[in-house]
Amino acid sequence: MTPDAAQVHAVEHRVVRPAKRLRGTIAVPGDKSISHRAAMLNALADGGAEVHNFLPGADCLSTLAVLRALGVESTVDDDAGVSVLRIKGVGLRGLREAADVLDCGNSGTTMRLMSGVLAGQPFLSILTGDASLRSRPMARILEPLHQMGVHVIGREGGKAPIVIRGGTVRAVRYRLPVASAQVKSCVLLAALYAGAETTIEEPEATRDHTERMLSAMGVRIEREGPAIRLTPPERLGPLSMRVPNDISAAAFWMVAAAIHSDAEIHLTGVGMNPTRTGIIDALRAMGADLDVEEERVTAGEPVADIVVRSSQLTATAVGGDMIARLIDEAPVLAVAGAFAQGATEINDASELRAKESDRITAVASQLNALGARITERPDGMSIEGGTRLAGGDVESFGDHRLAMALAAGALSASSEVRIKDAEAVAVSYPTFWDDLDRLTE
């Protein structure tokens, strides 16, 4: 267990009381998706890099542990309150065979993306994780890797542990059956080791952090409509950067402010990649008082400050292309729907059932336990709004995003909410409870 996770683990139940007001300025942690990719890609670069505002959450630390087992040196230090990853790249072909299985912890990103990296390495690797990760679907990466000529197997149903005998990768044209940034990134990372151009087609655009970072490191990567083409490089140049603050983490405070009767929260330096801003579009469609200010670009990623105030929300419907742009924010969007007037619909989101928990069932059951009126469907849920949440006992099921979504709703509940397994927030937001305390002082 990481030090951050160990510190939070003692808080098995967290009591969240209704807040009289919410006020403050918050810099949420660095983006989790970008932090993972910055570590992996700089590990494959020729030379060292510094990644400022790296997220030291449990998932990203799992990525660093896997890379260390493969011979990559790195440290994470605190520099005036900002986490800095210093990493020495070993080159595209400089990884060495691990002496043991590679433990990805609870991190699906680590397992899926590192499978792509290890596809190109001329040695045997075995990737495993905790009980939750070993139950999650990995067949979606095994299939394209098989097509690329990689010897890779998993347990029945394509579950981890995953065994990879890498070294030979062939170029393919692959169409993703479902929109998934992790599957896309797995194929792109394997394609770094192919002998010719690889083309990937997406059914809907998903987050493009991998493509942006590879391009910045000197890889020829082009997009034309739904197709992404990657030409294998000779080398990757190291990329020192500052990671934008995570919009997925900021989303909890956006909703907390919008549903509260007396709130104004300022969120600084939030990543505004257009493949990730679905939560902003959804909240604006619901009538949220939300301003985007000081727009700028950091390390090729758009960034801005966000201000959200108390709002009178009305119901909305999300689905189709929008779902890929807010898949991680769906649990807290359901909280917003519970407070909005009318019926909010979340559609085309069956992917939620394959996350750290079955997020459709988990969100519906736990919010309903607090008096919400949510009906789950195979691919989403319907939220009948207009009823203030009551107090009570709920559970996160070890899912960091569910724990934080429940806390955001609890700040506007009629009485205190007790959240079991609240320590799960350490996966992506180790300082979440400290920030909540700051906003409610």
Protein backbone atom coordinates (compact mmCIF):
# COMPACT_ATOMS: atom_id res chain seq x y z
CA MET A 1 0.00 0.00 0.00
CA THR A 2 1.32 3.46 -0.86
CA PRO A 3 1.93 6.01 1.93
CA ASP A 4 -0.90 8.16 0.61
CA ALA A 5 -3.33 5.25 0.62
CA ALA A 6 -2.16 4.14 4.06
CA GLN A 7 -2.82 7.57 5.53
CA VAL A 8 -6.39 7.59 4.25
CA HIS A 9 -7.07 3.91 5.00
CA ALA A 10 -7.69 4.66 8.66
CA VAL A 11 -10.81 6.64 7.68
CA GLU A 12 -13.03 3.64 6.88
CA HIS A 13 -16.21 5.63 7.42
CA ARG A 14 -16.29 9.33 6.63
CA VAL A 15 -19.06 11.49 8.02
CA VAL A 16 -20.06 14.35 5.70
CA ARG A 17 -22.40 16.92 7.19
CA PRO A 18 -24.55 19.39 5.27
CA ALA A 19 -22.61 22.60 4.62
CA LYS A 20 -24.12 25.96 5.43
CA ARG A 21 -22.05 27.46 2.63
CA LEU A 22 -19.31 26.48 0.20
CA ARG A 23 -16.62 29.03 -0.51
CA GLY A 24 -13.03 28.84 -1.65
CA THR A 25 -10.39 28.38 -4.31
CA ILE A 26 -9.17 24.86 -5.02
CA ALA A 27 -6.32 23.53 -7.13
CA VAL A 28 -7.32 19.92 -7.65
CA PRO A 29 -4.54 17.38 -8.26
CA GLY A 30 -2.81 16.82 -11.57
CA ASP A 31 -4.71 14.96 -14.27
CA LYS A 32 -4.60 11.20 -13.67
CA SER A 33 -4.76 10.20 -17.34
CA ILE A 34 -1.96 12.57 -18.30
CA SER A 35 0.19 11.61 -15.30
CA HIS A 36 0.05 7.91 -16.28
CA ARG A 37 1.03 8.71 -19.85
CA ALA A 38 3.78 11.15 -18.88
CA ALA A 39 5.41 8.45 -16.77
CA MET A 40 5.12 5.68 -19.36
CA LEU A 41 6.19 7.66 -22.39
CA ASN A 42 9.09 9.39 -20.64
CA ALA A 43 10.24 5.96 -19.46
CA LEU A 44 10.58 5.05 -23.16
CA ALA A 45 12.34 8.28 -24.09
CA ASP A 46 16.05 8.82 -24.60
CA GLY A 47 16.96 10.95 -21.56
CA GLY A 48 15.53 12.37 -18.38
CA ALA A 49 12.45 14.50 -17.80
CA GLU A 50 10.69 16.37 -15.01
CA VAL A 51 6.91 16.19 -14.79
CA HIS A 52 5.51 18.88 -12.50
CA ASN A 53 2.09 18.50 -10.87
CA PHE A 54 2.29 14.72 -11.29
CA LEU A 55 -0.57 13.00 -9.49
CA PRO A 56 0.84 10.94 -6.58
CA GLY A 57 -2.37 8.93 -6.23
CA ALA A 58 -2.39 5.16 -5.80
CA ASP A 59 -3.10 4.42 -9.48
CA CYS A 60 -0.24 6.51 -10.84
CA LEU A 61 2.11 5.14 -8.20
CA SER A 62 1.20 1.66 -9.47
CA THR A 63 2.43 2.73 -12.91
CA LEU A 64 5.72 3.93 -11.44
CA ALA A 65 6.13 0.66 -9.51
CA VAL A 66 5.65 -1.37 -12.69
CA LEU A 67 8.16 0.80 -14.56
CA ARG A 68 10.69 0.46 -11.73
CA ALA A 69 10.35 -3.33 -11.91
CA LEU A 70 11.25 -3.00 -15.60
CA GLY A 71 14.41 -1.03 -14.86
CA VAL A 72 13.23 2.60 -15.01
CA GLU A 73 14.52 4.94 -12.30
CA SER A 74 12.17 7.61 -10.95
CA THR A 75 11.44 9.70 -7.87
CA VAL A 76 8.42 11.75 -6.82
CA ASP A 77 9.29 14.75 -4.66
CA ASP A 78 7.33 17.61 -3.17
CA ASP A 79 8.52 20.96 -4.47
CA ALA A 80 6.78 23.80 -2.62
CA GLY A 81 3.54 21.82 -2.45
CA VAL A 82 3.74 20.54 -6.04
CA SER A 83 4.58 16.90 -6.78
CA VAL A 84 7.43 16.52 -9.27
CA LEU A 85 8.21 13.27 -11.04
CA ARG A 86 11.83 12.94 -12.10
CA ILE A 87 12.30 10.01 -14.45
CA LYS A 88 15.21 8.62 -16.47
CA GLY A 89 14.09 7.22 -19.80
CA VAL A 90 15.72 4.03 -21.04
CA GLY A 91 14.67 4.30 -24.67
CA LEU A 92 12.08 2.39 -26.66
CA ARG A 93 14.04 -0.85 -26.35
CA GLY A 94 15.75 -0.34 -23.00
CA LEU A 95 13.27 -2.00 -20.64
CA ARG A 96 14.45 -5.21 -19.00
CA GLU A 97 12.53 -8.30 -18.03
CA ALA A 98 11.02 -8.10 -14.53
CA ALA A 99 12.05 -10.71 -11.97
CA ASP A 100 8.45 -11.14 -10.79
CA VAL A 101 4.87 -10.51 -11.84
CA LEU A 102 3.99 -6.84 -12.40
CA ASP A 103 1.39 -5.61 -9.90
CA CYS A 104 -0.90 -2.92 -11.34
CA GLY A 105 -2.84 -2.52 -8.08
CA ASN A 106 -6.32 -1.21 -8.87
CA SER A 107 -5.24 0.64 -12.00
CA GLY A 108 -6.90 -0.38 -15.24
CA THR A 109 -4.95 2.34 -17.05
CA THR A 110 -1.66 0.81 -15.91
CA MET A 111 -2.64 -2.68 -17.06
CA ARG A 112 -4.13 -1.72 -20.41
CA LEU A 113 -1.48 0.79 -21.49
CA MET A 114 1.50 -1.18 -20.20
CA SER A 115 0.22 -4.19 -22.16
CA GLY A 116 0.79 -2.12 -25.29
CA VAL A 117 4.30 -1.16 -24.19
CA LEU A 118 5.21 -4.73 -23.23
CA ALA A 119 3.92 -6.07 -26.56
CA GLY A 120 7.05 -4.65 -28.14
CA GLN A 121 9.55 -5.98 -25.58
CA PRO A 122 11.49 -9.20 -26.35
CA PHE A 123 10.73 -10.90 -23.04
CA LEU A 124 7.96 -12.41 -20.91
CA SER A 125 5.76 -10.22 -18.72
CA ILE A 126 2.88 -11.09 -16.42
CA LEU A 127 0.49 -8.31 -15.36
CA THR A 128 -1.84 -8.72 -12.40
CA GLY A 129 -3.66 -6.52 -9.91
CA ASP A 130 -6.00 -6.51 -6.95
CA ALA A 131 -9.25 -8.49 -6.84
CA SER A 132 -11.20 -5.64 -8.42
CA LEU A 133 -8.81 -5.25 -11.34
CA ARG A 134 -8.66 -9.00 -11.92
CA SER A 135 -12.44 -8.98 -12.40
CA ARG A 136 -12.44 -6.23 -15.04
CA PRO A 137 -12.60 -6.90 -18.81
CA MET A 138 -9.26 -7.08 -20.59
CA ALA A 139 -10.38 -9.02 -23.69
CA ARG A 140 -10.80 -5.67 -25.42
CA ILE A 141 -7.01 -5.21 -25.45
CA LEU A 142 -6.15 -8.86 -26.03
CA GLU A 143 -8.01 -8.92 -29.37
CA PRO A 144 -6.12 -6.07 -31.09
CA LEU A 145 -2.81 -7.29 -29.67
CA HIS A 146 -3.54 -10.74 -31.12
CA GLN A 147 -4.19 -9.10 -34.49
CA MET A 148 -0.83 -7.35 -34.17
CA GLY A 149 0.88 -10.74 -33.83
CA VAL A 150 1.57 -10.49 -30.10
CA HIS A 151 1.48 -13.66 -27.98
CA VAL A 152 -0.83 -12.62 -25.14
CA ILE A 153 -3.30 -14.57 -23.01
CA GLY A 154 -5.51 -13.96 -20.02
CA ARG A 155 -7.83 -15.98 -17.81
CA GLU A 156 -11.23 -17.14 -19.04
CA GLY A 157 -13.20 -14.16 -20.31
CA GLY A 158 -9.98 -12.24 -20.97
CA LYS A 159 -9.38 -11.33 -17.33
CA ALA A 160 -6.05 -10.71 -15.61
CA PRO A 161 -3.48 -11.97 -14.90
CA ILE A 162 -2.30 -11.29 -18.45
CA VAL A 163 0.76 -13.05 -19.87
CA ILE A 164 2.63 -11.33 -22.72
CA ARG A 165 5.50 -12.74 -24.75
CA GLY A 166 6.46 -9.63 -26.63
CA GLY A 167 8.95 -8.68 -29.27
CA THR A 168 7.19 -8.98 -32.63
CA VAL A 169 4.49 -6.46 -33.54
CA ARG A 170 2.95 -6.04 -36.96
CA ALA A 171 1.13 -3.00 -38.29
CA VAL A 172 -2.65 -3.28 -38.56
CA ARG A 173 -5.75 -1.31 -39.36
CA TYR A 174 -8.00 -1.70 -36.33
CA ARG A 175 -11.48 -0.36 -35.67
CA LEU A 176 -12.39 -0.08 -32.00
CA PRO A 177 -15.67 -1.91 -31.31
CA VAL A 178 -16.38 0.50 -28.43
CA ALA A 179 -15.08 4.00 -27.73
CA SER A 180 -12.23 3.53 -25.25
CA ALA A 181 -9.21 5.77 -24.78
CA GLN A 182 -7.40 3.01 -22.91
CA VAL A 183 -7.81 0.45 -25.68
CA LYS A 184 -6.84 3.04 -28.28
CA SER A 185 -3.74 3.96 -26.27
CA CYS A 186 -2.78 0.30 -25.83
CA VAL A 187 -2.79 -0.15 -29.62
CA LEU A 188 -0.91 3.12 -30.21
CA LEU A 189 1.82 2.11 -27.74
CA ALA A 190 2.18 -1.31 -29.34
CA ALA A 191 2.31 0.39 -32.74
CA LEU A 192 5.51 2.19 -31.68
CA TYR A 193 7.19 -1.20 -32.25
CA ALA A 194 5.48 -2.16 -35.52
CA GLY A 195 7.35 -2.26 -38.81
CA ALA A 196 4.99 0.09 -40.64
CA GLU A 197 2.15 2.57 -40.21
CA THR A 198 -0.74 1.48 -37.95
CA THR A 199 -4.24 2.92 -38.36
CA ILE A 200 -6.90 2.99 -35.64
CA GLU A 201 -10.51 4.00 -36.20
CA GLU A 202 -12.71 5.20 -33.33
CA PRO A 203 -16.52 4.97 -33.29
CA GLU A 204 -16.50 8.22 -31.28
CA ALA A 205 -13.63 10.52 -30.37
CA THR A 206 -12.10 9.68 -26.98
CA ARG A 207 -9.53 11.54 -24.89
CA ASP A 208 -6.45 12.20 -27.00
CA HIS A 209 -3.72 12.74 -24.40
CA THR A 210 -1.64 9.87 -25.79
CA GLU A 211 -1.68 11.31 -29.30
CA ARG A 212 -0.80 14.82 -28.11
CA MET A 213 2.09 13.57 -26.00
CA LEU A 214 3.50 11.27 -28.67
CA SER A 215 3.40 14.11 -31.18
CA ALA A 216 5.25 16.40 -28.74
CA MET A 217 7.91 13.67 -28.34
CA GLY A 218 8.58 13.53 -32.08
CA VAL A 219 6.26 10.78 -33.30
CA ARG A 220 4.50 11.23 -36.64
CA ILE A 221 0.85 10.80 -35.75
CA GLU A 222 -2.00 12.11 -37.86
CA ARG A 223 -5.77 12.20 -37.56
CA GLU A 224 -8.23 12.24 -40.45
CA GLY A 225 -11.86 11.93 -39.41
CA PRO A 226 -12.21 8.85 -37.18
CA ALA A 227 -8.83 7.44 -38.31
CA ILE A 228 -5.54 7.89 -36.42
CA ARG A 229 -2.33 6.91 -38.20
CA LEU A 230 0.98 6.33 -36.38
CA THR A 231 4.36 5.85 -38.04
CA PRO A 232 6.84 4.01 -35.76
CA PRO A 233 9.67 6.31 -34.62
CA GLU A 234 13.34 5.57 -34.13
CA ARG A 235 13.26 7.23 -30.73
CA LEU A 236 11.18 9.35 -28.35
CA GLY A 237 12.46 12.69 -27.15
CA PRO A 238 11.97 13.30 -23.39
CA LEU A 239 9.11 15.64 -22.49
CA SER A 240 9.32 17.79 -19.39
CA MET A 241 5.95 19.33 -18.66
CA ARG A 242 3.42 20.55 -16.12
CA VAL A 243 0.35 18.36 -15.86
CA PRO A 244 -2.94 20.31 -15.96
CA ASN A 245 -5.25 19.93 -12.98
CA ASP A 246 -7.71 17.07 -13.44
CA ILE A 247 -11.14 18.03 -14.79
CA SER A 248 -12.51 14.73 -13.50
CA ALA A 249 -11.50 15.73 -9.97
CA ALA A 250 -12.79 19.28 -10.48
CA ALA A 251 -16.19 17.89 -11.52
CA PHE A 252 -17.06 16.94 -7.95
CA TRP A 253 -16.71 20.56 -6.83
CA MET A 254 -18.55 21.86 -9.91
CA VAL A 255 -21.57 19.77 -8.99
CA ALA A 256 -21.22 20.43 -5.25
CA ALA A 257 -21.39 24.18 -5.91
CA ALA A 258 -24.17 24.03 -8.51
CA ILE A 259 -26.57 22.05 -6.28
CA HIS A 260 -25.85 23.98 -3.06
CA SER A 261 -27.96 26.95 -1.99
CA ASP A 262 -25.00 29.14 -0.98
CA ALA A 263 -21.86 28.35 -2.93
CA GLU A 264 -19.10 29.83 -5.03
CA ILE A 265 -16.08 27.67 -5.83
CA HIS A 266 -13.08 28.70 -7.94
CA LEU A 267 -11.08 25.91 -9.60
CA THR A 268 -7.67 26.90 -10.96
CA GLY A 269 -5.61 25.49 -13.84
CA VAL A 270 -8.13 22.85 -14.92
CA GLY A 271 -7.41 20.84 -18.06
CA MET A 272 -9.87 21.76 -20.82
CA ASN A 273 -9.04 19.16 -23.45
CA PRO A 274 -12.15 19.13 -25.67
CA THR A 275 -12.37 15.33 -25.39
CA ARG A 276 -12.86 15.76 -21.61
CA THR A 277 -15.20 18.74 -21.20
CA GLY A 278 -18.52 16.91 -21.48
CA ILE A 279 -19.27 17.59 -17.82
CA ILE A 280 -19.09 21.35 -18.45
CA ASP A 281 -21.41 21.07 -21.44
CA ALA A 282 -23.86 18.93 -19.46
CA LEU A 283 -23.92 21.27 -16.46
CA ARG A 284 -24.39 24.31 -18.70
CA ALA A 285 -27.26 22.50 -20.44
CA MET A 286 -28.80 22.08 -16.98
CA GLY A 287 -28.51 25.82 -16.32
CA ALA A 288 -25.46 25.84 -14.08
CA ASP A 289 -23.93 29.24 -13.27
CA LEU A 290 -20.49 28.26 -14.56
CA ASP A 291 -17.80 30.52 -16.01
CA VAL A 292 -14.60 29.50 -17.80
CA GLU A 293 -11.87 32.11 -17.39
CA GLU A 294 -8.19 32.72 -18.23
CA GLU A 295 -7.99 30.16 -21.02
CA ARG A 296 -4.42 29.20 -21.92
CA VAL A 297 -2.26 26.31 -23.17
CA THR A 298 0.16 24.26 -21.05
CA ALA A 299 2.36 21.57 -22.63
CA GLY A 300 0.02 21.33 -25.59
CA GLU A 301 -3.08 20.96 -23.41
CA PRO A 302 -5.73 23.70 -23.03
CA VAL A 303 -6.18 24.91 -19.44
CA ALA A 304 -8.54 27.38 -17.77
CA ASP A 305 -9.93 28.54 -14.43
CA ILE A 306 -13.54 27.60 -13.64
CA VAL A 307 -15.99 29.36 -11.33
CA VAL A 308 -19.24 27.65 -10.30
CA ARG A 309 -21.98 29.19 -8.18
CA SER A 310 -25.30 28.08 -6.68
CA SER A 311 -27.70 27.27 -9.53
CA GLN A 312 -31.24 26.24 -10.26
CA LEU A 313 -30.71 23.10 -12.33
CA THR A 314 -33.12 21.56 -14.81
CA ALA A 315 -32.93 18.06 -16.21
CA THR A 316 -30.95 17.11 -19.30
CA ALA A 317 -30.20 14.02 -21.38
CA VAL A 318 -26.73 12.81 -22.29
CA GLY A 319 -25.75 9.99 -24.63
CA GLY A 320 -24.01 9.19 -27.89
CA ASP A 321 -20.75 11.05 -28.53
CA MET A 322 -21.15 12.99 -25.27
CA ILE A 323 -20.71 9.88 -23.10
CA ALA A 324 -17.06 9.37 -24.11
CA ARG A 325 -16.41 12.99 -23.04
CA LEU A 326 -17.81 12.52 -19.51
CA ILE A 327 -17.66 8.79 -18.77
CA ASP A 328 -15.70 9.32 -15.53
CA GLU A 329 -18.02 12.12 -14.44
CA ALA A 330 -21.26 10.14 -14.84
CA PRO A 331 -21.55 9.32 -11.10
CA VAL A 332 -21.43 12.96 -10.05
CA LEU A 333 -23.65 13.99 -12.98
CA ALA A 334 -26.24 11.62 -11.49
CA VAL A 335 -25.95 13.61 -8.24
CA ALA A 336 -26.69 16.81 -10.18
CA GLY A 337 -29.66 15.08 -11.76
CA ALA A 338 -31.06 14.16 -8.34
CA PHE A 339 -31.23 17.88 -7.46
CA ALA A 340 -32.46 19.11 -10.87
CA GLN A 341 -36.07 19.69 -11.83
CA GLY A 342 -37.32 16.97 -14.16
CA ALA A 343 -35.92 13.63 -15.30
CA THR A 344 -32.24 13.47 -16.27
CA GLU A 345 -31.30 10.64 -18.65
CA ILE A 346 -27.87 9.04 -18.99
CA ASN A 347 -27.83 6.80 -22.08
CA ASP A 348 -25.33 4.74 -24.11
CA ALA A 349 -23.16 4.29 -21.02
CA SER A 350 -22.88 0.52 -20.61
CA GLU A 351 -19.11 1.08 -20.22
CA LEU A 352 -19.92 2.26 -16.68
CA ARG A 353 -20.55 -1.35 -15.70
CA ALA A 354 -16.88 -2.21 -16.33
CA LYS A 355 -15.25 0.38 -14.07
CA GLU A 356 -13.89 0.01 -10.51
CA SER A 357 -17.44 -0.93 -9.60
CA ASP A 358 -20.55 -1.48 -11.69
CA ARG A 359 -21.15 2.25 -11.59
CA ILE A 360 -24.72 2.07 -12.88
CA THR A 361 -25.89 -0.27 -10.11
CA ALA A 362 -23.64 1.28 -7.47
CA VAL A 363 -24.66 4.89 -8.17
CA ALA A 364 -28.35 4.04 -8.35
CA SER A 365 -28.39 1.92 -5.20
CA GLN A 366 -26.40 4.31 -3.03
CA LEU A 367 -28.14 7.53 -4.11
CA ASN A 368 -31.52 5.81 -3.77
CA ALA A 369 -30.50 4.89 -0.21
CA LEU A 370 -30.34 8.66 0.40
CA GLY A 371 -33.79 9.29 -1.07
CA ALA A 372 -32.96 9.82 -4.74
CA ARG A 373 -35.23 8.31 -7.40
CA ILE A 374 -33.01 6.57 -9.92
CA THR A 375 -34.01 3.77 -12.24
CA GLU A 376 -31.13 1.85 -13.74
CA ARG A 377 -31.11 0.48 -17.27
CA PRO A 378 -28.62 -1.82 -19.04
CA ASP A 379 -26.82 1.16 -20.58
CA GLY A 380 -27.54 3.98 -18.15
CA MET A 381 -30.05 5.42 -15.76
CA SER A 382 -33.00 7.77 -15.38
CA ILE A 383 -32.88 10.22 -12.47
CA GLU A 384 -36.12 11.81 -11.34
CA GLY A 385 -34.95 15.02 -9.71
CA GLY A 386 -36.34 17.64 -7.42
CA THR A 387 -35.92 15.81 -4.10
CA ARG A 388 -33.28 16.84 -1.58
CA LEU A 389 -31.07 13.96 -0.50
CA ALA A 390 -31.55 12.66 3.04
CA GLY A 391 -28.85 11.48 5.39
CA GLY A 392 -27.88 7.89 5.96
CA ASP A 393 -25.28 5.20 5.45
CA VAL A 394 -23.81 4.50 2.01
CA GLU A 395 -20.88 2.59 0.59
CA SER A 396 -18.28 3.36 -2.06
CA PHE A 397 -17.54 -0.30 -2.90
CA GLY A 398 -13.91 0.78 -3.08
CA ASP A 399 -14.67 3.09 -6.03
CA HIS A 400 -12.97 6.46 -5.68
CA ARG A 401 -15.36 8.30 -7.96
CA LEU A 402 -18.44 6.97 -6.21
CA ALA A 403 -17.04 8.00 -2.81
CA MET A 404 -16.45 11.56 -4.02
CA ALA A 405 -19.81 11.78 -5.81
CA LEU A 406 -21.60 10.75 -2.62
CA ALA A 407 -19.64 13.37 -0.67
CA ALA A 408 -20.57 16.09 -3.18
CA GLY A 409 -24.25 15.26 -2.74
CA ALA A 410 -23.95 14.98 1.04
CA LEU A 411 -22.89 18.62 1.32
CA SER A 412 -26.46 19.54 0.30
CA ALA A 413 -28.30 16.70 2.08
CA SER A 414 -30.79 17.25 4.90
CA SER A 415 -28.61 15.47 7.47
CA GLU A 416 -25.25 13.78 7.75
CA VAL A 417 -24.13 11.04 5.37
CA ARG A 418 -21.73 8.29 6.46
CA ILE A 419 -19.63 6.91 3.61
CA LYS A 420 -18.07 3.47 4.03
CA ASP A 421 -14.70 2.81 2.35
CA ALA A 422 -14.10 6.53 2.04
CA GLU A 423 -10.36 5.85 1.80
CA ALA A 424 -10.91 4.93 -1.86
CA VAL A 425 -10.44 8.61 -2.79
CA ALA A 426 -6.66 8.07 -2.50
CA VAL A 427 -6.71 6.37 -5.91
CA SER A 428 -7.08 9.68 -7.73
CA TYR A 429 -7.44 12.51 -5.19
CA PRO A 430 -5.37 11.97 -2.00
CA THR A 431 -6.22 15.45 -0.63
CA PHE A 432 -9.97 15.30 -1.33
CA TRP A 433 -11.10 15.35 2.31
CA ASP A 434 -8.69 18.19 3.14
CA ASP A 435 -10.16 20.26 0.28
CA LEU A 436 -13.71 19.48 1.42
CA ASP A 437 -12.85 20.69 4.91
CA ARG A 438 -11.34 23.87 3.45
CA LEU A 439 -14.46 24.67 1.42
CA THR A 440 -16.81 24.15 4.38
CA GLU A 441 -14.88 26.09 7.05
